[in-house]
Amino acid sequence: MNLSLGRGMNWLWLFPAIGAAMLLGALAIAVTQQRFRTQALHARGVVVEHSFSRSDSSDSGSGGTYCPIVHFTAADGRQIEFVGGVCSQPPAENVGETVAVLYRESDPHDARIDSFLTRWLAVMVVGGLGGVFLAIGLLAVVPGLRGRRIAAELRATGVAVQAT
């Protein structure tokens, strides 16, 4: 079976390439999150309600997630309301619950709940999938590379044997 992409490149190399790209993407997300965190202003917000997002077309009432809607007062006195970035079933925060909020001074509507999930969920998902792709890809290509190296070494230093 020929799994070549052309000029000797093997399809299996796509797995570690995608994995490495995803790991770099996770690193970029982590750096962006940290930069936002260090530049953001802090406030206390209150979960005022939840928005429900249905994930399928069924009318059973299940199959959706709840996104917290948070209200806070910015440093300049403006009243801001935003939808939290991590939605869940059941809701992670209760209505009336106080949450830590991070927001940009220049744009208070660019706000986030300051929680572990908000900071790390995307990094963990993208990085975890990238690690799996990289591991599977390396497990698939490393034995072939090792076999080629051994074969090349035998051709260069080995003794030809004729047998019947």
Protein backbone atom coordinates (compact mmCIF):
# COMPACT_ATOMS: atom_id res chain seq x y z
CA MET A 1 0.00 0.00 0.00
CA ASN A 2 1.43 3.34 -1.05
CA LEU A 3 0.59 6.19 1.33
CA SER A 4 2.77 8.70 -0.45
CA LEU A 5 1.99 12.40 -0.78
CA GLY A 6 4.49 12.68 -3.60
CA ARG A 7 8.27 12.81 -3.70
CA GLY A 8 8.56 10.22 -0.94
CA MET A 9 6.52 12.06 1.69
CA ASN A 10 4.35 9.70 3.69
CA TRP A 11 0.74 10.44 4.79
CA LEU A 12 1.68 9.38 8.30
CA TRP A 13 3.80 12.54 8.62
CA LEU A 14 0.56 14.55 8.67
CA PHE A 15 -0.25 13.26 12.17
CA PRO A 16 2.86 14.57 13.93
CA ALA A 17 2.71 17.77 11.83
CA ILE A 18 -0.90 18.42 12.87
CA GLY A 19 -0.03 17.51 16.47
CA ALA A 20 2.92 19.91 16.55
CA ALA A 21 0.78 22.67 15.00
CA MET A 22 -1.94 22.10 17.61
CA LEU A 23 0.63 22.20 20.44
CA LEU A 24 1.95 25.50 19.07
CA GLY A 25 -1.65 26.73 18.88
CA ALA A 26 -2.20 25.76 22.53
CA LEU A 27 0.96 27.65 23.47
CA ALA A 28 -0.28 30.71 21.53
CA ILE A 29 -3.65 30.54 23.32
CA ALA A 30 -1.89 30.30 26.70
CA VAL A 31 0.34 33.29 25.91
CA THR A 32 -2.65 35.33 24.71
CA GLN A 33 -4.63 34.43 27.84
CA GLN A 34 -1.71 35.37 30.09
CA ARG A 35 -1.15 38.66 28.27
CA PHE A 36 -4.85 39.53 28.64
CA ARG A 37 -4.71 38.57 32.32
CA THR A 38 -1.70 40.79 33.07
CA GLN A 39 -3.14 43.81 31.21
CA ALA A 40 -6.75 43.47 32.37
CA LEU A 41 -8.51 45.34 35.13
CA HIS A 42 -10.24 43.36 37.87
CA ALA A 43 -13.83 43.72 39.00
CA ARG A 44 -16.49 41.76 40.85
CA GLY A 45 -19.48 40.73 38.81
CA VAL A 46 -22.79 39.04 39.48
CA VAL A 47 -24.40 36.30 37.40
CA VAL A 48 -27.77 37.84 36.56
CA GLU A 49 -29.16 35.02 34.39
CA HIS A 50 -28.21 32.24 31.99
CA SER A 51 -28.67 32.05 28.26
CA PHE A 52 -29.62 28.58 27.08
CA SER A 53 -28.12 27.29 23.87
CA ARG A 54 -29.67 24.17 22.37
CA SER A 55 -27.11 21.79 20.93
CA ASP A 56 -29.53 19.64 18.92
CA SER A 57 -32.88 20.00 17.20
CA SER A 58 -34.84 17.89 19.69
CA ASP A 59 -37.59 19.49 21.77
CA SER A 60 -36.90 17.35 24.84
CA GLY A 61 -35.44 20.25 26.84
CA SER A 62 -32.09 18.56 27.28
CA GLY A 63 -29.21 18.72 24.86
CA GLY A 64 -28.05 22.25 25.52
CA THR A 65 -25.79 24.35 27.67
CA TYR A 66 -26.16 27.35 29.95
CA CYS A 67 -23.93 30.40 29.49
CA PRO A 68 -23.71 32.82 32.41
CA ILE A 69 -24.69 36.42 31.78
CA VAL A 70 -22.59 38.60 34.08
CA HIS A 71 -23.14 42.21 35.14
CA PHE A 72 -20.33 44.37 36.56
CA THR A 73 -19.34 48.00 37.01
CA ALA A 74 -16.22 49.12 35.13
CA ALA A 75 -13.67 51.46 36.75
CA ASP A 76 -15.15 54.43 34.84
CA GLY A 77 -18.61 53.71 36.30
CA ARG A 78 -20.17 52.16 33.19
CA GLN A 79 -22.52 49.25 33.77
CA ILE A 80 -21.41 46.31 31.62
CA GLU A 81 -23.13 43.03 30.85
CA PHE A 82 -21.46 40.16 28.99
CA VAL A 83 -21.93 36.47 28.29
CA GLY A 84 -19.33 34.24 29.94
CA GLY A 85 -17.14 32.26 27.58
CA VAL A 86 -17.55 28.80 29.14
CA CYS A 87 -21.01 27.28 28.89
CA SER A 88 -21.98 24.07 30.69
CA GLN A 89 -24.76 21.69 31.62
CA PRO A 90 -25.62 22.12 34.49
CA PRO A 91 -24.66 25.80 34.85
CA ALA A 92 -21.26 26.29 36.50
CA GLU A 93 -22.41 29.46 38.29
CA ASN A 94 -25.74 30.11 39.97
CA VAL A 95 -27.83 33.21 39.36
CA GLY A 96 -26.88 35.75 42.02
CA GLU A 97 -23.39 34.30 42.47
CA THR A 98 -20.48 36.76 42.62
CA VAL A 99 -17.63 36.06 40.18
CA ALA A 100 -14.24 37.61 39.51
CA VAL A 101 -14.15 39.50 36.20
CA LEU A 102 -11.22 40.58 34.02
CA TYR A 103 -11.77 43.24 31.36
CA ARG A 104 -9.85 45.56 29.06
CA GLU A 105 -9.81 49.18 30.22
CA SER A 106 -10.07 50.35 26.61
CA ASP A 107 -13.04 48.04 25.92
CA PRO A 108 -14.89 46.88 29.05
CA HIS A 109 -17.18 44.74 26.89
CA ASP A 110 -14.14 42.54 26.24
CA ALA A 111 -14.61 40.84 29.59
CA ARG A 112 -14.13 37.32 30.94
CA ILE A 113 -14.93 35.47 34.10
CA ASP A 114 -11.61 34.90 35.87
CA SER A 115 -11.75 31.15 36.48
CA PHE A 116 -9.61 28.10 35.90
CA LEU A 117 -11.85 26.87 33.07
CA THR A 118 -11.87 30.22 31.30
CA ARG A 119 -8.07 30.38 31.41
CA TRP A 120 -7.20 26.77 30.65
CA LEU A 121 -10.07 24.91 28.91
CA ALA A 122 -9.06 25.84 25.34
CA VAL A 123 -5.37 25.24 26.12
CA MET A 124 -6.13 21.80 27.58
CA VAL A 125 -8.40 20.72 24.71
CA VAL A 126 -6.17 21.95 21.86
CA GLY A 127 -2.97 20.85 23.61
CA GLY A 128 -4.41 17.46 24.59
CA LEU A 129 -5.58 16.71 21.05
CA GLY A 130 -2.25 17.96 19.71
CA GLY A 131 -0.39 15.64 22.08
CA VAL A 132 -2.49 12.68 20.95
CA PHE A 133 -1.92 13.47 17.26
CA LEU A 134 1.81 13.92 17.84
CA ALA A 135 2.13 10.68 19.83
CA ILE A 136 0.16 8.61 17.29
CA GLY A 137 2.11 10.14 14.43
CA LEU A 138 5.49 9.52 16.05
CA LEU A 139 4.53 5.94 16.96
CA ALA A 140 3.64 5.40 13.29
CA VAL A 141 6.71 7.00 11.66
CA VAL A 142 9.60 6.39 14.08
CA PRO A 143 9.79 2.61 13.52
CA GLY A 144 9.95 3.17 9.75
CA LEU A 145 12.73 5.74 10.16
CA ARG A 146 14.66 3.37 12.41
CA GLY A 147 14.26 0.55 9.87
CA ARG A 148 15.53 2.78 7.04
CA ARG A 149 18.55 3.83 9.12
CA ILE A 150 19.40 0.21 9.91
CA ALA A 151 18.99 -0.80 6.25
CA ALA A 152 21.22 2.08 5.10
CA GLU A 153 23.84 1.15 7.69
CA LEU A 154 23.79 -2.48 6.58
CA ARG A 155 24.15 -1.46 2.91
CA ALA A 156 27.15 0.72 3.80
CA THR A 157 28.97 -1.61 6.20
CA GLY A 158 27.42 -5.06 5.83
CA VAL A 159 28.68 -8.07 3.94
CA ALA A 160 26.56 -9.46 1.14
CA VAL A 161 25.51 -13.08 1.72
CA GLN A 162 24.22 -15.34 -1.00
CA ALA A 163 21.94 -18.10 0.15
CA THR A 164 19.52 -20.52 -1.41
